[in-house]
PDB file of all heavy atoms in Angstrom:
ATOM      1  N   MET A   1       0.848  -1.198   0.000  1.00  0.00           N
ATOM      2  CA  MET A   1       0.000   0.000   0.000  1.00  0.00           C
ATOM      3  C   MET A   1       0.880   1.245   0.000  1.00  0.00           C
ATOM      4  O   MET A   1       1.898   1.297   0.679  1.00  0.00           O
ATOM      5  CB  MET A   1      -0.904   0.006   1.235  1.00  0.00           C
ATOM      6  CG  MET A   1      -1.769   1.251   1.355  1.00  0.00           C
ATOM      7  SD  MET A   1      -2.818   1.192   2.825  1.00  0.00           S
ATOM      8  CE  MET A   1      -3.593   2.796   2.706  1.00  0.00           C
ATOM      9  N   VAL A   2       0.502   2.242  -0.765  1.00  0.00           N
ATOM     10  CA  VAL A   2       1.231   3.495  -0.826  1.00  0.00           C
ATOM     11  C   VAL A   2       0.281   4.627  -0.475  1.00  0.00           C
ATOM     12  O   VAL A   2      -0.804   4.741  -1.047  1.00  0.00           O
ATOM     13  CB  VAL A   2       1.834   3.736  -2.234  1.00  0.00           C
ATOM     14  CG1 VAL A   2       2.549   5.074  -2.265  1.00  0.00           C
ATOM     15  CG2 VAL A   2       2.789   2.614  -2.604  1.00  0.00           C
ATOM     16  N   ALA A   3       0.661   5.463   0.475  1.00  0.00           N
ATOM     17  CA  ALA A   3      -0.147   6.605   0.887  1.00  0.00           C
ATOM     18  C   ALA A   3       0.502   7.886   0.400  1.00  0.00           C
ATOM     19  O   ALA A   3       1.711   7.960   0.219  1.00  0.00           O
ATOM     20  CB  ALA A   3      -0.299   6.633   2.402  1.00  0.00           C
ATOM     21  N   SER A   4      -0.327   8.929   0.226  1.00  0.00           N
ATOM     22  CA  SER A   4       0.203  10.189  -0.299  1.00  0.00           C
ATOM     23  C   SER A   4       0.429  11.233   0.779  1.00  0.00           C
ATOM     24  O   SER A   4       1.058  12.253   0.535  1.00  0.00           O
ATOM     25  CB  SER A   4      -0.753  10.751  -1.360  1.00  0.00           C
ATOM     26  OG  SER A   4      -2.023  11.026  -0.784  1.00  0.00           O
ATOM     27  N   SER A   5      -0.105  10.994   1.997  1.00  0.00           N
ATOM     28  CA  SER A   5       0.057  11.972   3.063  1.00  0.00           C
ATOM     29  C   SER A   5       0.584  11.290   4.315  1.00  0.00           C
ATOM     30  O   SER A   5       0.572  10.062   4.435  1.00  0.00           O
ATOM     31  CB  SER A   5      -1.275  12.660   3.369  1.00  0.00           C
ATOM     32  OG  SER A   5      -2.249  11.712   3.774  1.00  0.00           O
ATOM     33  N   LEU A   6       1.059  12.098   5.283  1.00  0.00           N
ATOM     34  CA  LEU A   6       1.702  11.545   6.465  1.00  0.00           C
ATOM     35  C   LEU A   6       0.716  10.712   7.280  1.00  0.00           C
ATOM     36  O   LEU A   6       0.847   9.502   7.366  1.00  0.00           O
ATOM     37  CB  LEU A   6       2.295  12.670   7.308  1.00  0.00           C
ATOM     38  CG  LEU A   6       3.466  13.422   6.652  1.00  0.00           C
ATOM     39  CD1 LEU A   6       3.969  14.508   7.570  1.00  0.00           C
ATOM     40  CD2 LEU A   6       4.594  12.471   6.308  1.00  0.00           C
ATOM     41  N   GLY A   7      -0.249  11.323   7.918  1.00  0.00           N
ATOM     42  CA  GLY A   7      -1.263  10.575   8.635  1.00  0.00           C
ATOM     43  C   GLY A   7      -0.708   9.600   9.652  1.00  0.00           C
ATOM     44  O   GLY A   7      -1.284   8.553   9.901  1.00  0.00           O
ATOM     45  N   SER A   8       0.421   9.906  10.259  1.00  0.00           N
ATOM     46  CA  SER A   8       1.061   8.995  11.193  1.00  0.00           C
ATOM     47  C   SER A   8       1.840   9.814  12.202  1.00  0.00           C
ATOM     48  O   SER A   8       2.447  10.827  11.861  1.00  0.00           O
ATOM     49  CB  SER A   8       2.006   8.043  10.444  1.00  0.00           C
ATOM     50  OG  SER A   8       2.721   7.227  11.342  1.00  0.00           O
ATOM     51  N   SER A   9       1.831   9.379  13.474  1.00  0.00           N
ATOM     52  CA  SER A   9       2.563  10.126  14.488  1.00  0.00           C
ATOM     53  C   SER A   9       4.058   9.853  14.429  1.00  0.00           C
ATOM     54  O   SER A   9       4.852  10.610  14.980  1.00  0.00           O
ATOM     55  CB  SER A   9       2.032   9.773  15.877  1.00  0.00           C
ATOM     56  OG  SER A   9       2.191   8.389  16.134  1.00  0.00           O
ATOM     57  N   THR A  10       4.440   8.766  13.768  1.00  0.00           N
ATOM     58  CA  THR A  10       5.856   8.440  13.584  1.00  0.00           C
ATOM     59  C   THR A  10       6.126   8.186  12.114  1.00  0.00           C
ATOM     60  O   THR A  10       5.400   7.435  11.457  1.00  0.00           O
ATOM     61  CB  THR A  10       6.243   7.198  14.399  1.00  0.00           C
ATOM     62  OG1 THR A  10       6.047   7.457  15.790  1.00  0.00           O
ATOM     63  CG2 THR A  10       7.705   6.831  14.167  1.00  0.00           C
ATOM     64  N   VAL A  11       7.157   8.805  11.601  1.00  0.00           N
ATOM     65  CA  VAL A  11       7.541   8.639  10.206  1.00  0.00           C
ATOM     66  C   VAL A  11       9.004   8.210  10.160  1.00  0.00           C
ATOM     67  O   VAL A  11       9.849   8.784  10.847  1.00  0.00           O
ATOM     68  CB  VAL A  11       7.356   9.952   9.409  1.00  0.00           C
ATOM     69  CG1 VAL A  11       7.838   9.787   7.975  1.00  0.00           C
ATOM     70  CG2 VAL A  11       5.895  10.379   9.434  1.00  0.00           C
ATOM     71  N   ALA A  12       9.295   7.175   9.382  1.00  0.00           N
ATOM     72  CA  ALA A  12      10.647   6.653   9.236  1.00  0.00           C
ATOM     73  C   ALA A  12      11.173   6.993   7.850  1.00  0.00           C
ATOM     74  O   ALA A  12      10.528   6.692   6.837  1.00  0.00           O
ATOM     75  CB  ALA A  12      10.658   5.144   9.442  1.00  0.00           C
ATOM     76  N   VAL A  13      12.347   7.618   7.810  1.00  0.00           N
ATOM     77  CA  VAL A  13      12.972   7.999   6.545  1.00  0.00           C
ATOM     78  C   VAL A  13      14.268   7.215   6.379  1.00  0.00           C
ATOM     79  O   VAL A  13      15.079   7.133   7.305  1.00  0.00           O
ATOM     80  CB  VAL A  13      13.283   9.510   6.519  1.00  0.00           C
ATOM     81  CG1 VAL A  13      13.986   9.889   5.207  1.00  0.00           C
ATOM     82  CG2 VAL A  13      12.024  10.330   6.715  1.00  0.00           C
ATOM     83  N   GLY A  14      14.447   6.639   5.214  1.00  0.00           N
ATOM     84  CA  GLY A  14      15.709   5.990   4.871  1.00  0.00           C
ATOM     85  C   GLY A  14      16.439   6.811   3.833  1.00  0.00           C
ATOM     86  O   GLY A  14      15.855   7.195   2.814  1.00  0.00           O
ATOM     87  N   TRP A  15      17.714   7.098   4.107  1.00  0.00           N
ATOM     88  CA  TRP A  15      18.531   7.904   3.185  1.00  0.00           C
ATOM     89  C   TRP A  15      19.805   7.149   2.839  1.00  0.00           C
ATOM     90  O   TRP A  15      20.674   6.960   3.685  1.00  0.00           O
ATOM     91  CB  TRP A  15      18.850   9.250   3.825  1.00  0.00           C
ATOM     92  CG  TRP A  15      19.767  10.152   3.037  1.00  0.00           C
ATOM     93  CD1 TRP A  15      20.094  10.058   1.708  1.00  0.00           C
ATOM     94  CD2 TRP A  15      20.479  11.294   3.524  1.00  0.00           C
ATOM     95  NE1 TRP A  15      20.960  11.058   1.333  1.00  0.00           N
ATOM     96  CE2 TRP A  15      21.210  11.840   2.440  1.00  0.00           C
ATOM     97  CE3 TRP A  15      20.565  11.906   4.778  1.00  0.00           C
ATOM     98  CZ2 TRP A  15      22.034  12.962   2.581  1.00  0.00           C
ATOM     99  CZ3 TRP A  15      21.377  13.023   4.917  1.00  0.00           C
ATOM    100  CH2 TRP A  15      22.097  13.551   3.836  1.00  0.00           C
ATOM    101  N   ASP A  16      19.876   6.676   1.616  1.00  0.00           N
ATOM    102  CA  ASP A  16      21.119   6.108   1.091  1.00  0.00           C
ATOM    103  C   ASP A  16      21.882   7.259   0.455  1.00  0.00           C
ATOM    104  O   ASP A  16      21.394   7.900  -0.469  1.00  0.00           O
ATOM    105  CB  ASP A  16      20.816   5.016   0.066  1.00  0.00           C
ATOM    106  CG  ASP A  16      22.073   4.302  -0.398  1.00  0.00           C
ATOM    107  OD1 ASP A  16      22.804   3.779   0.456  1.00  0.00           O
ATOM    108  OD2 ASP A  16      22.315   4.270  -1.624  1.00  0.00           O
ATOM    109  N   VAL A  17      23.086   7.550   0.939  1.00  0.00           N
ATOM    110  CA  VAL A  17      23.769   8.802   0.621  1.00  0.00           C
ATOM    111  C   VAL A  17      24.656   8.668  -0.612  1.00  0.00           C
ATOM    112  O   VAL A  17      25.451   7.738  -0.733  1.00  0.00           O
ATOM    113  CB  VAL A  17      24.623   9.268   1.826  1.00  0.00           C
ATOM    114  CG1 VAL A  17      25.250  10.628   1.537  1.00  0.00           C
ATOM    115  CG2 VAL A  17      23.772   9.330   3.087  1.00  0.00           C
ATOM    116  N   GLY A  18      24.509   9.634  -1.522  1.00  0.00           N
ATOM    117  CA  GLY A  18      25.416   9.760  -2.654  1.00  0.00           C
ATOM    118  C   GLY A  18      26.467  10.814  -2.364  1.00  0.00           C
ATOM    119  O   GLY A  18      26.394  11.524  -1.364  1.00  0.00           O
ATOM    120  N   GLY A  19      27.457  10.922  -3.220  1.00  0.00           N
ATOM    121  CA  GLY A  19      28.510  11.923  -3.040  1.00  0.00           C
ATOM    122  C   GLY A  19      27.988  13.338  -3.230  1.00  0.00           C
ATOM    123  O   GLY A  19      26.857  13.551  -3.672  1.00  0.00           O
ATOM    124  N   TRP A  20      28.823  14.310  -2.892  1.00  0.00           N
ATOM    125  CA  TRP A  20      28.420  15.710  -3.029  1.00  0.00           C
ATOM    126  C   TRP A  20      28.036  16.049  -4.467  1.00  0.00           C
ATOM    127  O   TRP A  20      27.147  16.864  -4.710  1.00  0.00           O
ATOM    128  CB  TRP A  20      29.558  16.627  -2.582  1.00  0.00           C
ATOM    129  CG  TRP A  20      29.708  16.752  -1.110  1.00  0.00           C
ATOM    130  CD1 TRP A  20      30.669  16.175  -0.322  1.00  0.00           C
ATOM    131  CD2 TRP A  20      28.874  17.510  -0.226  1.00  0.00           C
ATOM    132  NE1 TRP A  20      30.488  16.524   0.996  1.00  0.00           N
ATOM    133  CE2 TRP A  20      29.395  17.348   1.089  1.00  0.00           C
ATOM    134  CE3 TRP A  20      27.748  18.303  -0.395  1.00  0.00           C
ATOM    135  CZ2 TRP A  20      28.833  17.962   2.200  1.00  0.00           C
ATOM    136  CZ3 TRP A  20      27.170  18.914   0.704  1.00  0.00           C
ATOM    137  CH2 TRP A  20      27.710  18.741   1.993  1.00  0.00           C
ATOM    138  N   ASN A  21      28.705  15.442  -5.439  1.00  0.00           N
ATOM    139  CA  ASN A  21      28.485  15.778  -6.848  1.00  0.00           C
ATOM    140  C   ASN A  21      27.985  14.559  -7.616  1.00  0.00           C
ATOM    141  O   ASN A  21      28.531  14.192  -8.659  1.00  0.00           O
ATOM    142  CB  ASN A  21      29.780  16.305  -7.466  1.00  0.00           C
ATOM    143  CG  ASN A  21      30.315  17.512  -6.722  1.00  0.00           C
ATOM    144  OD1 ASN A  21      29.626  18.521  -6.590  1.00  0.00           O
ATOM    145  ND2 ASN A  21      31.532  17.410  -6.204  1.00  0.00           N
ATOM    146  N   CYS A  22      26.912  13.952  -7.098  1.00  0.00           N
ATOM    147  CA  CYS A  22      26.448  12.682  -7.667  1.00  0.00           C
ATOM    148  C   CYS A  22      25.368  12.860  -8.738  1.00  0.00           C
ATOM    149  O   CYS A  22      24.754  11.877  -9.147  1.00  0.00           O
ATOM    150  CB  CYS A  22      25.921  11.775  -6.556  1.00  0.00           C
ATOM    151  SG  CYS A  22      24.440  12.414  -5.708  1.00  0.00           S
ATOM    152  N   ASP A  23      25.148  14.089  -9.203  1.00  0.00           N
ATOM    153  CA  ASP A  23      24.046  14.365 -10.130  1.00  0.00           C
ATOM    154  C   ASP A  23      24.036  13.423 -11.333  1.00  0.00           C
ATOM    155  O   ASP A  23      22.970  12.964 -11.755  1.00  0.00           O
ATOM    156  CB  ASP A  23      24.119  15.807 -10.638  1.00  0.00           C
ATOM    157  CG  ASP A  23      24.175  16.807  -9.504  1.00  0.00           C
ATOM    158  OD1 ASP A  23      25.217  16.874  -8.826  1.00  0.00           O
ATOM    159  OD2 ASP A  23      23.194  17.519  -9.285  1.00  0.00           O
ATOM    160  N   ASN A  24      25.199  13.162 -11.903  1.00  0.00           N
ATOM    161  CA  ASN A  24      25.269  12.358 -13.116  1.00  0.00           C
ATOM    162  C   ASN A  24      25.911  10.996 -12.891  1.00  0.00           C
ATOM    163  O   ASN A  24      26.322  10.329 -13.843  1.00  0.00           O
ATOM    164  CB  ASN A  24      26.055  13.123 -14.187  1.00  0.00           C
ATOM    165  CG  ASN A  24      25.380  14.428 -14.565  1.00  0.00           C
ATOM    166  OD1 ASN A  24      24.179  14.472 -14.807  1.00  0.00           O
ATOM    167  ND2 ASN A  24      26.155  15.509 -14.591  1.00  0.00           N
ATOM    168  N   ASN A  25      25.981  10.577 -11.625  1.00  0.00           N
ATOM    169  CA  ASN A  25      26.571   9.284 -11.297  1.00  0.00           C
ATOM    170  C   ASN A  25      25.489   8.205 -11.404  1.00  0.00           C
ATOM    171  O   ASN A  25      24.570   8.151 -10.602  1.00  0.00           O
ATOM    172  CB  ASN A  25      27.151   9.318  -9.882  1.00  0.00           C
ATOM    173  CG  ASN A  25      27.936   8.067  -9.535  1.00  0.00           C
ATOM    174  OD1 ASN A  25      27.702   6.994 -10.078  1.00  0.00           O
ATOM    175  ND2 ASN A  25      28.887   8.215  -8.627  1.00  0.00           N
ATOM    176  N   THR A  26      25.589   7.365 -12.413  1.00  0.00           N
ATOM    177  CA  THR A  26      24.552   6.356 -12.618  1.00  0.00           C
ATOM    178  C   THR A  26      24.597   5.245 -11.564  1.00  0.00           C
ATOM    179  O   THR A  26      23.605   4.566 -11.325  1.00  0.00           O
ATOM    180  CB  THR A  26      24.682   5.717 -14.010  1.00  0.00           C
ATOM    181  OG1 THR A  26      25.991   5.132 -14.131  1.00  0.00           O
ATOM    182  CG2 THR A  26      24.504   6.773 -15.095  1.00  0.00           C
ATOM    183  N   LYS A  27      25.754   5.082 -10.911  1.00  0.00           N
ATOM    184  CA  LYS A  27      25.913   3.981  -9.957  1.00  0.00           C
ATOM    185  C   LYS A  27      25.510   4.353  -8.541  1.00  0.00           C
ATOM    186  O   LYS A  27      25.055   3.501  -7.778  1.00  0.00           O
ATOM    187  CB  LYS A  27      27.365   3.496  -9.965  1.00  0.00           C
ATOM    188  CG  LYS A  27      27.801   2.858 -11.280  1.00  0.00           C
ATOM    189  CD  LYS A  27      29.232   2.352 -11.191  1.00  0.00           C
ATOM    190  CE  LYS A  27      29.652   1.669 -12.491  1.00  0.00           C
ATOM    191  NZ  LYS A  27      31.052   1.159 -12.400  1.00  0.00           N
ATOM    192  N   SER A  28      25.690   5.605  -8.147  1.00  0.00           N
ATOM    193  CA  SER A  28      25.441   5.985  -6.757  1.00  0.00           C
ATOM    194  C   SER A  28      24.925   7.413  -6.667  1.00  0.00           C
ATOM    195  O   SER A  28      25.624   8.352  -7.040  1.00  0.00           O
ATOM    196  CB  SER A  28      26.718   5.843  -5.923  1.00  0.00           C
ATOM    197  OG  SER A  28      26.514   6.293  -4.601  1.00  0.00           O
ATOM    198  N   ARG A  29      23.720   7.568  -6.151  1.00  0.00           N
ATOM    199  CA  ARG A  29      23.127   8.874  -5.882  1.00  0.00           C
ATOM    200  C   ARG A  29      22.400   8.816  -4.542  1.00  0.00           C
ATOM    201  O   ARG A  29      22.225   7.748  -3.964  1.00  0.00           O
ATOM    202  CB  ARG A  29      22.137   9.270  -6.983  1.00  0.00           C
ATOM    203  CG  ARG A  29      22.779   9.481  -8.351  1.00  0.00           C
ATOM    204  CD  ARG A  29      21.740   9.837  -9.400  1.00  0.00           C
ATOM    205  NE  ARG A  29      22.332   9.898 -10.724  1.00  0.00           N
ATOM    206  CZ  ARG A  29      21.641   9.946 -11.859  1.00  0.00           C
ATOM    207  NH1 ARG A  29      20.311   9.940 -11.803  1.00  0.00           N
ATOM    208  NH2 ARG A  29      22.244   9.986 -13.024  1.00  0.00           N
ATOM    209  N   ASP A  30      21.975   9.970  -4.051  1.00  0.00           N
ATOM    210  CA  ASP A  30      21.111   9.970  -2.882  1.00  0.00           C
ATOM    211  C   ASP A  30      19.802   9.263  -3.241  1.00  0.00           C
ATOM    212  O   ASP A  30      19.277   9.434  -4.344  1.00  0.00           O
ATOM    213  CB  ASP A  30      20.782  11.404  -2.449  1.00  0.00           C
ATOM    214  CG  ASP A  30      21.990  12.147  -1.927  1.00  0.00           C
ATOM    215  OD1 ASP A  30      22.614  11.660  -0.972  1.00  0.00           O
ATOM    216  OD2 ASP A  30      22.303  13.220  -2.487  1.00  0.00           O
ATOM    217  N   ALA A  31      19.289   8.498  -2.292  1.00  0.00           N
ATOM    218  CA  ALA A  31      17.993   7.846  -2.481  1.00  0.00           C
ATOM    219  C   ALA A  31      17.213   7.951  -1.184  1.00  0.00           C
ATOM    220  O   ALA A  31      17.776   7.864  -0.088  1.00  0.00           O
ATOM    221  CB  ALA A  31      18.161   6.390  -2.894  1.00  0.00           C
ATOM    222  N   LEU A  32      15.892   8.128  -1.298  1.00  0.00           N
ATOM    223  CA  LEU A  32      15.016   8.332  -0.146  1.00  0.00           C
ATOM    224  C   LEU A  32      13.802   7.415  -0.216  1.00  0.00           C
ATOM    225  O   LEU A  32      13.214   7.237  -1.289  1.00  0.00           O
ATOM    226  CB  LEU A  32      14.520   9.779  -0.102  1.00  0.00           C
ATOM    227  CG  LEU A  32      15.570  10.882   0.016  1.00  0.00           C
ATOM    228  CD1 LEU A  32      14.925  12.244  -0.246  1.00  0.00           C
ATOM    229  CD2 LEU A  32      16.223  10.857   1.391  1.00  0.00           C
ATOM    230  N   ILE A  33      13.456   6.866   0.943  1.00  0.00           N
ATOM    231  CA  ILE A  33      12.212   6.110   1.120  1.00  0.00           C
ATOM    232  C   ILE A  33      11.596   6.590   2.429  1.00  0.00           C
ATOM    233  O   ILE A  33      12.298   6.764   3.429  1.00  0.00           O
ATOM    234  CB  ILE A  33      12.458   4.596   1.193  1.00  0.00           C
ATOM    235  CG1 ILE A  33      13.019   4.066  -0.127  1.00  0.00           C
ATOM    236  CG2 ILE A  33      11.181   3.852   1.567  1.00  0.00           C
ATOM    237  CD1 ILE A  33      12.034   4.084  -1.271  1.00  0.00           C
ATOM    238  N   VAL A  34      10.281   6.757   2.455  1.00  0.00           N
ATOM    239  CA  VAL A  34       9.578   7.179   3.671  1.00  0.00           C
ATOM    240  C   VAL A  34       8.495   6.153   3.995  1.00  0.00           C
ATOM    241  O   VAL A  34       7.728   5.745   3.113  1.00  0.00           O
ATOM    242  CB  VAL A  34       8.952   8.576   3.503  1.00  0.00           C
ATOM    243  CG1 VAL A  34       8.313   9.034   4.814  1.00  0.00           C
ATOM    244  CG2 VAL A  34      10.006   9.586   3.043  1.00  0.00           C
TER     245      VAL A  34
END
């Protein structure tokens, strides 16, 4: 199930970190899941 709004008292964010200049790096960029 995917929701479009928070509707929760606790929210978990996952951040896989890319380099400072990862804009065009096909192998590694910042990624986010909530």
